[in-house]
C-alpha atoms as a PDB file:
ATOM      1  CA  UNK A   1      -0.021  -0.027  -0.012  1.00  0.00           C
ATOM      2  CA  UNK A   2       2.790   2.417   0.936  1.00  0.00           C
ATOM      3  CA  UNK A   3       4.460   1.791  -2.451  1.00  0.00           C
ATOM      4  CA  UNK A   4       1.150   2.499  -4.204  1.00  0.00           C
ATOM      5  CA  UNK A   5       0.741   5.806  -2.282  1.00  0.00           C
ATOM      6  CA  UNK A   6       4.306   6.847  -3.069  1.00  0.00           C
ATOM      7  CA  UNK A   7       3.780   6.135  -6.747  1.00  0.00           C
ATOM      8  CA  UNK A   8       0.612   8.189  -6.721  1.00  0.00           C
ATOM      9  CA  UNK A   9       2.347  11.137  -5.038  1.00  0.00           C
ATOM     10  CA  UNK A  10       5.200  10.980  -7.519  1.00  0.00           C
ATOM     11  CA  UNK A  11       2.781  11.074 -10.426  1.00  0.00           C
ATOM     12  CA  UNK A  12       0.989  13.995  -8.877  1.00  0.00           C
ATOM     13  CA  UNK A  13       4.305  15.851  -8.454  1.00  0.00           C
ATOM     14  CA  UNK A  14       4.969  15.373 -12.163  1.00  0.00           C
ATOM     15  CA  UNK A  15       1.523  16.474 -13.277  1.00  0.00           C
ATOM     16  CA  UNK A  16       1.068  19.579 -11.151  1.00  0.00           C
ATOM     17  CA  UNK A  17       3.788  21.748 -12.628  1.00  0.00           C
ATOM     18  CA  UNK A  18       2.508  21.033 -16.117  1.00  0.00           C
ATOM     19  CA  UNK A  19      -1.019  21.974 -15.152  1.00  0.00           C
ATOM     20  CA  UNK A  20       0.153  25.128 -13.393  1.00  0.00           C
ATOM     21  CA  UNK A  21       2.058  26.190 -16.531  1.00  0.00           C
ATOM     22  CA  UNK A  22      -1.071  26.211 -18.673  1.00  0.00           C
ATOM     23  CA  UNK A  23      -2.099  29.876 -18.130  1.00  0.00           C
ATOM     24  CA  UNK A  24      -5.564  31.171 -18.798  1.00  0.00           C
ATOM     25  CA  UNK A  25      -5.988  33.255 -21.928  1.00  0.00           C
ATOM     26  CA  UNK A  26      -5.608  36.989 -21.522  1.00  0.00           C
ATOM     27  CA  UNK A  27      -8.926  38.644 -22.342  1.00  0.00           C
ATOM     28  CA  UNK A  28      -8.956  42.199 -23.697  1.00  0.00           C
ATOM     29  CA  UNK A  29     -11.608  44.761 -24.807  1.00  0.00           C
ATOM     30  CA  UNK A  30     -10.856  47.087 -27.723  1.00  0.00           C
ATOM     31  CA  UNK A  31     -11.535  50.824 -27.426  1.00  0.00           C
ATOM     32  CA  UNK A  32     -12.066  53.483 -30.095  1.00  0.00           C
ATOM     33  CA  UNK A  33      -8.728  54.640 -31.389  1.00  0.00           C
ATOM     34  CA  UNK A  34      -9.657  58.305 -31.283  1.00  0.00           C
ATOM     35  CA  UNK A  35     -10.359  58.219 -27.541  1.00  0.00           C
ATOM     36  CA  UNK A  36      -7.217  56.221 -26.844  1.00  0.00           C
ATOM     37  CA  UNK A  37      -5.063  58.579 -28.942  1.00  0.00           C
ATOM     38  CA  UNK A  38      -6.554  61.713 -27.346  1.00  0.00           C
ATOM     39  CA  UNK A  39      -5.975  60.499 -23.780  1.00  0.00           C
ATOM     40  CA  UNK A  40      -2.528  58.986 -24.479  1.00  0.00           C
ATOM     41  CA  UNK A  41      -1.259  62.169 -26.101  1.00  0.00           C
ATOM     42  CA  UNK A  42      -3.060  64.630 -23.833  1.00  0.00           C
ATOM     43  CA  UNK A  43      -5.163  66.333 -26.441  1.00  0.00           C
ATOM     44  CA  UNK A  44      -7.065  69.378 -25.182  1.00  0.00           C
ATOM     45  CA  UNK A  45      -9.970  68.474 -27.460  1.00  0.00           C
ATOM     46  CA  UNK A  46     -10.856  64.773 -27.899  1.00  0.00           C
ATOM     47  CA  UNK A  47     -10.477  64.063 -31.622  1.00  0.00           C
ATOM     48  CA  UNK A  48     -10.171  61.231 -34.043  1.00  0.00           C
ATOM     49  CA  UNK A  49      -6.945  61.814 -35.987  1.00  0.00           C
ATOM     50  CA  UNK A  50      -7.885  59.327 -38.682  1.00  0.00           C
ATOM     51  CA  UNK A  51     -11.196  60.678 -39.949  1.00  0.00           C
ATOM     52  CA  UNK A  52     -12.402  64.165 -40.850  1.00  0.00           C
ATOM     53  CA  UNK A  53     -15.408  66.438 -40.823  1.00  0.00           C
ATOM     54  CA  UNK A  54     -16.153  69.390 -43.069  1.00  0.00           C
ATOM     55  CA  UNK A  55     -15.460  72.958 -41.961  1.00  0.00           C
ATOM     56  CA  UNK A  56     -15.386  75.561 -44.673  1.00  0.00           C
ATOM     57  CA  UNK A  57     -12.834  77.843 -43.052  1.00  0.00           C
ATOM     58  CA  UNK A  58     -10.385  75.108 -42.088  1.00  0.00           C
ATOM     59  CA  UNK A  59      -6.993  75.459 -43.860  1.00  0.00           C
ATOM     60  CA  UNK A  60      -4.957  72.702 -45.382  1.00  0.00           C
ATOM     61  CA  UNK A  61      -2.547  71.574 -42.641  1.00  0.00           C
ATOM     62  CA  UNK A  62      -0.458  68.827 -41.107  1.00  0.00           C
ATOM     63  CA  UNK A  63      -2.447  67.284 -38.262  1.00  0.00           C
ATOM     64  CA  UNK A  64      -1.802  64.709 -35.589  1.00  0.00           C
ATOM     65  CA  UNK A  65      -0.063  61.489 -36.516  1.00  0.00           C
ATOM     66  CA  UNK A  66       1.570  63.178 -39.521  1.00  0.00           C
ATOM     67  CA  UNK A  67      -1.628  63.302 -41.536  1.00  0.00           C
ATOM     68  CA  UNK A  68      -2.093  66.247 -43.881  1.00  0.00           C
ATOM     69  CA  UNK A  69      -5.736  67.052 -44.583  1.00  0.00           C
ATOM     70  CA  UNK A  70      -7.048  69.256 -47.351  1.00  0.00           C
ATOM     71  CA  UNK A  71      -8.624  72.692 -46.863  1.00  0.00           C
ATOM     72  CA  UNK A  72     -12.224  72.601 -45.779  1.00  0.00           C
ATOM     73  CA  UNK A  73     -11.647  69.663 -43.470  1.00  0.00           C
ATOM     74  CA  UNK A  74     -10.685  69.200 -39.810  1.00  0.00           C
ATOM     75  CA  UNK A  75     -10.261  66.273 -37.558  1.00  0.00           C
ATOM     76  CA  UNK A  76     -13.518  64.868 -36.394  1.00  0.00           C
ATOM     77  CA  UNK A  77     -14.209  65.728 -32.784  1.00  0.00           C
ATOM     78  CA  UNK A  78     -15.644  63.080 -30.467  1.00  0.00           C
ATOM     79  CA  UNK A  79     -18.143  65.744 -29.309  1.00  0.00           C
ATOM     80  CA  UNK A  80     -19.417  66.280 -32.853  1.00  0.00           C
ATOM     81  CA  UNK A  81     -23.046  65.216 -33.520  1.00  0.00           C
ATOM     82  CA  UNK A  82     -23.243  61.507 -34.096  1.00  0.00           C
ATOM     83  CA  UNK A  83     -24.890  62.051 -37.507  1.00  0.00           C
ATOM     84  CA  UNK A  84     -21.876  64.042 -38.754  1.00  0.00           C
ATOM     85  CA  UNK A  85     -20.627  62.804 -42.140  1.00  0.00           C
ATOM     86  CA  UNK A  86     -16.944  61.826 -42.086  1.00  0.00           C
ATOM     87  CA  UNK A  87     -14.287  61.935 -44.834  1.00  0.00           C
ATOM     88  CA  UNK A  88     -10.786  60.858 -45.670  1.00  0.00           C
ATOM     89  CA  UNK A  89      -7.965  63.391 -45.415  1.00  0.00           C
ATOM     90  CA  UNK A  90      -8.394  64.098 -49.140  1.00  0.00           C
ATOM     91  CA  UNK A  91     -12.127  64.678 -48.867  1.00  0.00           C
ATOM     92  CA  UNK A  92     -13.436  61.341 -50.024  1.00  0.00           C
ATOM     93  CA  UNK A  93     -16.709  60.499 -48.185  1.00  0.00           C
ATOM     94  CA  UNK A  94     -16.577  57.492 -45.947  1.00  0.00           C
ATOM     95  CA  UNK A  95     -19.685  55.241 -46.034  1.00  0.00           C
ATOM     96  CA  UNK A  96     -20.889  55.962 -42.478  1.00  0.00           C
ATOM     97  CA  UNK A  97     -21.484  58.696 -39.945  1.00  0.00           C
ATOM     98  CA  UNK A  98     -19.243  59.561 -37.011  1.00  0.00           C
ATOM     99  CA  UNK A  99     -21.624  57.771 -34.681  1.00  0.00           C
ATOM    100  CA  UNK A 100     -21.450  54.591 -36.769  1.00  0.00           C
ATOM    101  CA  UNK A 101     -17.642  54.856 -36.830  1.00  0.00           C
ATOM    102  CA  UNK A 102     -17.316  55.322 -33.089  1.00  0.00           C
ATOM    103  CA  UNK A 103     -19.755  52.515 -32.073  1.00  0.00           C
ATOM    104  CA  UNK A 104     -17.479  49.726 -33.343  1.00  0.00           C
ATOM    105  CA  UNK A 105     -16.395  47.316 -30.584  1.00  0.00           C
ATOM    106  CA  UNK A 106     -14.378  44.188 -30.186  1.00  0.00           C
ATOM    107  CA  UNK A 107     -12.711  41.741 -27.820  1.00  0.00           C
ATOM    108  CA  UNK A 108      -9.625  39.581 -28.018  1.00  0.00           C
ATOM    109  CA  UNK A 109      -8.192  36.465 -26.292  1.00  0.00           C
ATOM    110  CA  UNK A 110      -4.466  35.989 -26.248  1.00  0.00           C
ATOM    111  CA  UNK A 111      -2.996  32.501 -25.688  1.00  0.00           C
ATOM    112  CA  UNK A 112       0.758  32.109 -25.486  1.00  0.00           C
ATOM    113  CA  UNK A 113       1.921  29.146 -27.607  1.00  0.00           C
ATOM    114  CA  UNK A 114       5.592  28.328 -27.633  1.00  0.00           C
ATOM    115  CA  UNK A 115       7.511  31.501 -28.479  1.00  0.00           C
ATOM    116  CA  UNK A 116       4.412  33.181 -29.970  1.00  0.00           C
ATOM    117  CA  UNK A 117       0.829  34.174 -29.202  1.00  0.00           C
ATOM    118  CA  UNK A 118      -2.431  33.138 -30.763  1.00  0.00           C
ATOM    119  CA  UNK A 119      -4.938  36.058 -30.854  1.00  0.00           C
ATOM    120  CA  UNK A 120      -8.660  35.327 -31.296  1.00  0.00           C
ATOM    121  CA  UNK A 121     -10.755  38.397 -32.023  1.00  0.00           C
ATOM    122  CA  UNK A 122     -14.451  39.148 -32.407  1.00  0.00           C
ATOM    123  CA  UNK A 123     -15.963  42.412 -33.546  1.00  0.00           C
ATOM    124  CA  UNK A 124     -19.341  44.066 -33.936  1.00  0.00           C
ATOM    125  CA  UNK A 125     -20.476  47.272 -35.712  1.00  0.00           C
ATOM    126  CA  UNK A 126     -17.532  47.539 -38.019  1.00  0.00           C
ATOM    127  CA  UNK A 127     -17.999  49.101 -41.461  1.00  0.00           C
ATOM    128  CA  UNK A 128     -20.354  46.703 -43.236  1.00  0.00           C
ATOM    129  CA  UNK A 129     -18.408  44.546 -45.755  1.00  0.00           C
ATOM    130  CA  UNK A 130     -15.327  46.609 -44.835  1.00  0.00           C
ATOM    131  CA  UNK A 131     -11.791  45.388 -45.405  1.00  0.00           C
ATOM    132  CA  UNK A 132      -9.617  45.362 -42.235  1.00  0.00           C
ATOM    133  CA  UNK A 133      -6.192  44.298 -41.056  1.00  0.00           C
ATOM    134  CA  UNK A 134      -4.644  44.023 -37.602  1.00  0.00           C
ATOM    135  CA  UNK A 135      -1.233  45.431 -36.689  1.00  0.00           C
ATOM    136  CA  UNK A 136       1.038  45.239 -33.704  1.00  0.00           C
ATOM    137  CA  UNK A 137       1.567  48.615 -32.110  1.00  0.00           C
ATOM    138  CA  UNK A 138       5.094  49.039 -30.639  1.00  0.00           C
ATOM    139  CA  UNK A 139       4.878  51.486 -27.725  1.00  0.00           C
ATOM    140  CA  UNK A 140       8.560  50.918 -26.925  1.00  0.00           C
ATOM    141  CA  UNK A 141       9.684  52.874 -29.985  1.00  0.00           C
ATOM    142  CA  UNK A 142       9.624  56.632 -30.461  1.00  0.00           C
ATOM    143  CA  UNK A 143       7.507  57.447 -32.311  1.00  0.00           C
ATOM    144  CA  UNK A 144       5.386  54.268 -31.879  1.00  0.00           C
ATOM    145  CA  UNK A 145       5.780  51.905 -34.835  1.00  0.00           C
ATOM    146  CA  UNK A 146       3.643  49.279 -36.447  1.00  0.00           C
ATOM    147  CA  UNK A 147       4.151  45.831 -37.926  1.00  0.00           C
ATOM    148  CA  UNK A 148       1.624  43.233 -39.105  1.00  0.00           C
ATOM    149  CA  UNK A 149       0.350  41.138 -36.182  1.00  0.00           C
ATOM    150  CA  UNK A 150       1.280  37.967 -38.017  1.00  0.00           C
ATOM    151  CA  UNK A 151       4.780  39.326 -38.745  1.00  0.00           C
ATOM    152  CA  UNK A 152       4.410  38.930 -42.512  1.00  0.00           C
ATOM    153  CA  UNK A 153       1.205  40.737 -43.628  1.00  0.00           C
ATOM    154  CA  UNK A 154      -0.058  37.564 -45.276  1.00  0.00           C
ATOM    155  CA  UNK A 155      -2.696  36.448 -42.771  1.00  0.00           C
ATOM    156  CA  UNK A 156      -3.548  39.592 -40.734  1.00  0.00           C
ATOM    157  CA  UNK A 157      -6.530  40.844 -42.769  1.00  0.00           C
ATOM    158  CA  UNK A 158     -10.251  40.037 -42.755  1.00  0.00           C
ATOM    159  CA  UNK A 159     -13.511  41.299 -44.072  1.00  0.00           C
ATOM    160  CA  UNK A 160     -16.505  42.344 -42.026  1.00  0.00           C
ATOM    161  CA  UNK A 161     -19.967  40.803 -42.671  1.00  0.00           C
ATOM    162  CA  UNK A 162     -22.884  42.860 -44.046  1.00  0.00           C
ATOM    163  CA  UNK A 163     -23.999  43.567 -40.485  1.00  0.00           C
ATOM    164  CA  UNK A 164     -20.488  44.720 -39.435  1.00  0.00           C
ATOM    165  CA  UNK A 165     -19.607  41.652 -37.457  1.00  0.00           C
ATOM    166  CA  UNK A 166     -16.350  39.759 -37.943  1.00  0.00           C
ATOM    167  CA  UNK A 167     -14.058  37.235 -36.343  1.00  0.00           C
ATOM    168  CA  UNK A 168     -10.371  36.686 -36.931  1.00  0.00           C
ATOM    169  CA  UNK A 169      -7.596  34.465 -35.547  1.00  0.00           C
ATOM    170  CA  UNK A 170      -4.046  35.620 -36.058  1.00  0.00           C
ATOM    171  CA  UNK A 171      -0.860  33.946 -34.845  1.00  0.00           C
ATOM    172  CA  UNK A 172       1.895  36.359 -33.670  1.00  0.00           C
ATOM    173  CA  UNK A 173       5.451  35.001 -34.120  1.00  0.00           C
ATOM    174  CA  UNK A 174       6.418  36.267 -30.673  1.00  0.00           C
ATOM    175  CA  UNK A 175       4.725  36.741 -27.326  1.00  0.00           C
ATOM    176  CA  UNK A 176       2.869  39.996 -26.867  1.00  0.00           C
ATOM    177  CA  UNK A 177       3.785  42.153 -23.866  1.00  0.00           C
ATOM    178  CA  UNK A 178       2.885  45.503 -22.348  1.00  0.00           C
ATOM    179  CA  UNK A 179       5.170  47.105 -24.901  1.00  0.00           C
ATOM    180  CA  UNK A 180       2.669  46.071 -27.556  1.00  0.00           C
ATOM    181  CA  UNK A 181      -0.926  46.888 -28.611  1.00  0.00           C
ATOM    182  CA  UNK A 182      -3.246  45.467 -31.148  1.00  0.00           C
ATOM    183  CA  UNK A 183      -4.490  47.982 -33.756  1.00  0.00           C
ATOM    184  CA  UNK A 184      -7.460  47.397 -36.043  1.00  0.00           C
ATOM    185  CA  UNK A 185      -7.153  49.270 -39.308  1.00  0.00           C
ATOM    186  CA  UNK A 186     -10.055  49.941 -41.680  1.00  0.00           C
ATOM    187  CA  UNK A 187      -9.048  50.168 -45.428  1.00  0.00           C
ATOM    188  CA  UNK A 188     -11.397  52.638 -47.115  1.00  0.00           C
ATOM    189  CA  UNK A 189      -9.954  51.661 -50.513  1.00  0.00           C
ATOM    190  CA  UNK A 190     -11.109  48.065 -49.962  1.00  0.00           C
ATOM    191  CA  UNK A 191      -7.597  46.729 -50.146  1.00  0.00           C
ATOM    192  CA  UNK A 192      -5.302  45.331 -47.409  1.00  0.00           C
ATOM    193  CA  UNK A 193      -1.763  46.476 -47.915  1.00  0.00           C
ATOM    194  CA  UNK A 194       0.171  43.521 -46.591  1.00  0.00           C
ATOM    195  CA  UNK A 195       3.221  44.513 -44.565  1.00  0.00           C
ATOM    196  CA  UNK A 196       2.197  48.209 -44.782  1.00  0.00           C
ATOM    197  CA  UNK A 197      -0.937  49.858 -43.335  1.00  0.00           C
ATOM    198  CA  UNK A 198      -1.432  52.046 -46.427  1.00  0.00           C
ATOM    199  CA  UNK A 199      -1.621  55.865 -46.523  1.00  0.00           C
ATOM    200  CA  UNK A 200      -2.921  56.782 -43.059  1.00  0.00           C
ATOM    201  CA  UNK A 201      -6.034  58.966 -43.029  1.00  0.00           C
ATOM    202  CA  UNK A 202      -6.331  58.560 -46.793  1.00  0.00           C
ATOM    203  CA  UNK A 203      -6.939  54.802 -47.450  1.00  0.00           C
ATOM    204  CA  UNK A 204      -6.137  53.370 -43.996  1.00  0.00           C
ATOM    205  CA  UNK A 205      -7.856  54.469 -40.779  1.00  0.00           C
ATOM    206  CA  UNK A 206      -7.150  53.300 -37.184  1.00  0.00           C
ATOM    207  CA  UNK A 207     -10.520  52.396 -35.743  1.00  0.00           C
ATOM    208  CA  UNK A 208      -9.953  50.225 -32.631  1.00  0.00           C
ATOM    209  CA  UNK A 209      -6.949  49.589 -30.407  1.00  0.00           C
ATOM    210  CA  UNK A 210      -6.048  47.829 -27.147  1.00  0.00           C
ATOM    211  CA  UNK A 211      -2.790  47.809 -25.230  1.00  0.00           C
ATOM    212  CA  UNK A 212      -1.582  44.491 -23.790  1.00  0.00           C
ATOM    213  CA  UNK A 213      -1.708  44.673 -19.980  1.00  0.00           C
ATOM    214  CA  UNK A 214       1.208  43.693 -17.793  1.00  0.00           C
ATOM    215  CA  UNK A 215       0.913  39.915 -17.391  1.00  0.00           C
END
C-alpha cells in the first residue's frame, strides 16, 4: 500500500507543474482609437486623428499622426453630432457617420503558444463589408511603430460581414507584452496592404486599439 501511495504522489508531483504552466488566456476589450489617442497624447480636445469632418474655413494643414488634410476639413471631434458625415484626409466620403464609426467594438483572447501568441478576435459594428487588417503597435519605440500582427502581412486581414460583425484568428510570431498593442485598421480603398498599413487617413484608418496589460 505504501508503495502505491508513493507512486501516486510521484505522479501528482509530475503532473502539477505542467497543469500550473497552462495559463488562462488574456482577455481584452478594444476601445475606439480616437479616444485612446486623445488621452494617451493629452489632447485638449478629444479628436479622431484618422477621420475628418467638413469645416469651410479650415486650412490645409499637417495634423496629428503626421496626416495632412485638405482645406475645408478638420479632424472629427468626439463631441461632434453622431450624425456628422466623415471623410478621408483628401475629402473622399466614408460610407458611415461619425456615430457609426465610433460605435465599433471588439474583444480579443491571447493564448501564448511556444514563443508566440495566438490572438482570437471578435468584432461588432464595423464598417459593413469593410476590409480590415490587424497590426501590432510598438509602444517601446519613439514614435510608436507598427508591424503586421502575423509578422508577414499575409494572414492579418479580414472582411466584415454585411452587419458589421467579424471574427479573426491571427498567430503572432512572438509573445505579446505591455510594450505592444493590437491595432485594427479599416481600409477605405477596400484593399489590405500587406506589410504596410497604407496611407494613413487617406486609405487606412485606425478604428480600434487595445494595449496589452502587464501579465
